[in-house]
């Protein structure tokens, strides 16, 4: 939170945001950063051999997988 609150404050001050709107934006950013950091930490902790994305998935090895719905 300490990285961006001053920059966000400068931006919101210029836009005329209320203190409540500013605080909500700062806290929302903090929650997003914590979620991203937690996910990265958990992925690192399981020690997968390599990072893979769905774009890299080879559908030839699993022909029954639905290409249109990745989830």
C-alpha atoms as a PDB file:
ATOM      1  CA  UNK A   1       0.000   0.000   0.000  1.00  0.00           C
ATOM      2  CA  UNK A   2       2.872   2.335   0.739  1.00  0.00           C
ATOM      3  CA  UNK A   3       4.080   2.262  -2.865  1.00  0.00           C
ATOM      4  CA  UNK A   4       1.084   3.829  -4.523  1.00  0.00           C
ATOM      5  CA  UNK A   5      -0.938   5.759  -1.973  1.00  0.00           C
ATOM      6  CA  UNK A   6       0.810   9.082  -2.582  1.00  0.00           C
ATOM      7  CA  UNK A   7       0.524   8.850  -6.364  1.00  0.00           C
ATOM      8  CA  UNK A   8      -3.100   7.804  -6.084  1.00  0.00           C
ATOM      9  CA  UNK A   9      -3.685  10.683  -3.656  1.00  0.00           C
ATOM     10  CA  UNK A  10      -2.295  13.189  -6.128  1.00  0.00           C
ATOM     11  CA  UNK A  11      -4.490  11.797  -8.908  1.00  0.00           C
ATOM     12  CA  UNK A  12      -7.650  11.676  -6.834  1.00  0.00           C
ATOM     13  CA  UNK A  13      -7.086  15.112  -5.336  1.00  0.00           C
ATOM     14  CA  UNK A  14      -7.000  16.544  -8.833  1.00  0.00           C
ATOM     15  CA  UNK A  15     -10.163  14.660  -9.741  1.00  0.00           C
ATOM     16  CA  UNK A  16     -11.998  15.886  -6.645  1.00  0.00           C
ATOM     17  CA  UNK A  17     -12.530  12.512  -4.978  1.00  0.00           C
ATOM     18  CA  UNK A  18     -13.796  12.386  -1.400  1.00  0.00           C
ATOM     19  CA  UNK A  19     -11.708  10.909   1.400  1.00  0.00           C
ATOM     20  CA  UNK A  20     -13.948   7.848   1.397  1.00  0.00           C
ATOM     21  CA  UNK A  21     -13.492   7.285  -2.341  1.00  0.00           C
ATOM     22  CA  UNK A  22      -9.724   7.664  -1.974  1.00  0.00           C
ATOM     23  CA  UNK A  23      -9.612   5.221   0.954  1.00  0.00           C
ATOM     24  CA  UNK A  24     -11.763   2.695  -0.911  1.00  0.00           C
ATOM     25  CA  UNK A  25      -9.425   2.913  -3.926  1.00  0.00           C
ATOM     26  CA  UNK A  26      -6.296   2.474  -1.779  1.00  0.00           C
ATOM     27  CA  UNK A  27      -7.761  -0.507   0.063  1.00  0.00           C
ATOM     28  CA  UNK A  28      -9.031  -2.068  -3.154  1.00  0.00           C
ATOM     29  CA  UNK A  29      -5.557  -1.805  -4.662  1.00  0.00           C
ATOM     30  CA  UNK A  30      -4.044  -3.352  -1.522  1.00  0.00           C
ATOM     31  CA  UNK A  31      -6.459  -6.291  -1.616  1.00  0.00           C
ATOM     32  CA  UNK A  32      -5.692  -6.893  -5.308  1.00  0.00           C
ATOM     33  CA  UNK A  33      -1.949  -6.795  -4.687  1.00  0.00           C
ATOM     34  CA  UNK A  34      -2.223  -9.172  -1.731  1.00  0.00           C
ATOM     35  CA  UNK A  35      -4.313 -11.632  -3.739  1.00  0.00           C
ATOM     36  CA  UNK A  36      -1.818 -11.577  -6.600  1.00  0.00           C
ATOM     37  CA  UNK A  37       1.125 -11.913  -4.242  1.00  0.00           C
ATOM     38  CA  UNK A  38      -0.539 -14.758  -2.352  1.00  0.00           C
ATOM     39  CA  UNK A  39      -1.270 -16.633  -5.549  1.00  0.00           C
ATOM     40  CA  UNK A  40       2.321 -16.225  -6.721  1.00  0.00           C
ATOM     41  CA  UNK A  41       3.607 -17.404  -3.338  1.00  0.00           C
ATOM     42  CA  UNK A  42       1.375 -20.484  -3.376  1.00  0.00           C
ATOM     43  CA  UNK A  43       2.417 -21.370  -6.930  1.00  0.00           C
ATOM     44  CA  UNK A  44       6.065 -20.992  -5.973  1.00  0.00           C
ATOM     45  CA  UNK A  45       5.562 -23.113  -2.833  1.00  0.00           C
ATOM     46  CA  UNK A  46       4.268 -26.139  -4.766  1.00  0.00           C
ATOM     47  CA  UNK A  47       7.457 -26.138  -6.876  1.00  0.00           C
ATOM     48  CA  UNK A  48       5.916 -26.986 -10.206  1.00  0.00           C
ATOM     49  CA  UNK A  49       8.620 -27.865 -12.745  1.00  0.00           C
ATOM     50  CA  UNK A  50       7.554 -25.090 -15.147  1.00  0.00           C
ATOM     51  CA  UNK A  51       4.948 -22.362 -15.573  1.00  0.00           C
ATOM     52  CA  UNK A  52       2.327 -23.269 -18.168  1.00  0.00           C
ATOM     53  CA  UNK A  53      -0.517 -21.251 -19.650  1.00  0.00           C
ATOM     54  CA  UNK A  54      -3.628 -22.528 -21.378  1.00  0.00           C
ATOM     55  CA  UNK A  55      -2.335 -20.973 -24.596  1.00  0.00           C
ATOM     56  CA  UNK A  56       0.514 -23.509 -24.480  1.00  0.00           C
ATOM     57  CA  UNK A  57      -1.770 -26.529 -23.954  1.00  0.00           C
ATOM     58  CA  UNK A  58      -1.422 -29.188 -26.639  1.00  0.00           C
ATOM     59  CA  UNK A  59      -4.955 -30.332 -27.452  1.00  0.00           C
ATOM     60  CA  UNK A  60      -3.561 -33.190 -29.569  1.00  0.00           C
ATOM     61  CA  UNK A  61      -2.704 -35.018 -26.330  1.00  0.00           C
ATOM     62  CA  UNK A  62      -6.264 -34.618 -24.983  1.00  0.00           C
ATOM     63  CA  UNK A  63      -8.642 -34.558 -27.961  1.00  0.00           C
ATOM     64  CA  UNK A  64     -11.755 -34.680 -25.752  1.00  0.00           C
ATOM     65  CA  UNK A  65     -10.868 -31.326 -24.143  1.00  0.00           C
ATOM     66  CA  UNK A  66     -13.179 -28.515 -25.228  1.00  0.00           C
ATOM     67  CA  UNK A  67     -11.078 -25.812 -26.891  1.00  0.00           C
ATOM     68  CA  UNK A  68     -13.822 -23.196 -26.638  1.00  0.00           C
ATOM     69  CA  UNK A  69     -14.296 -23.409 -22.851  1.00  0.00           C
ATOM     70  CA  UNK A  70     -10.976 -23.455 -20.954  1.00  0.00           C
ATOM     71  CA  UNK A  71     -12.717 -23.913 -17.587  1.00  0.00           C
END
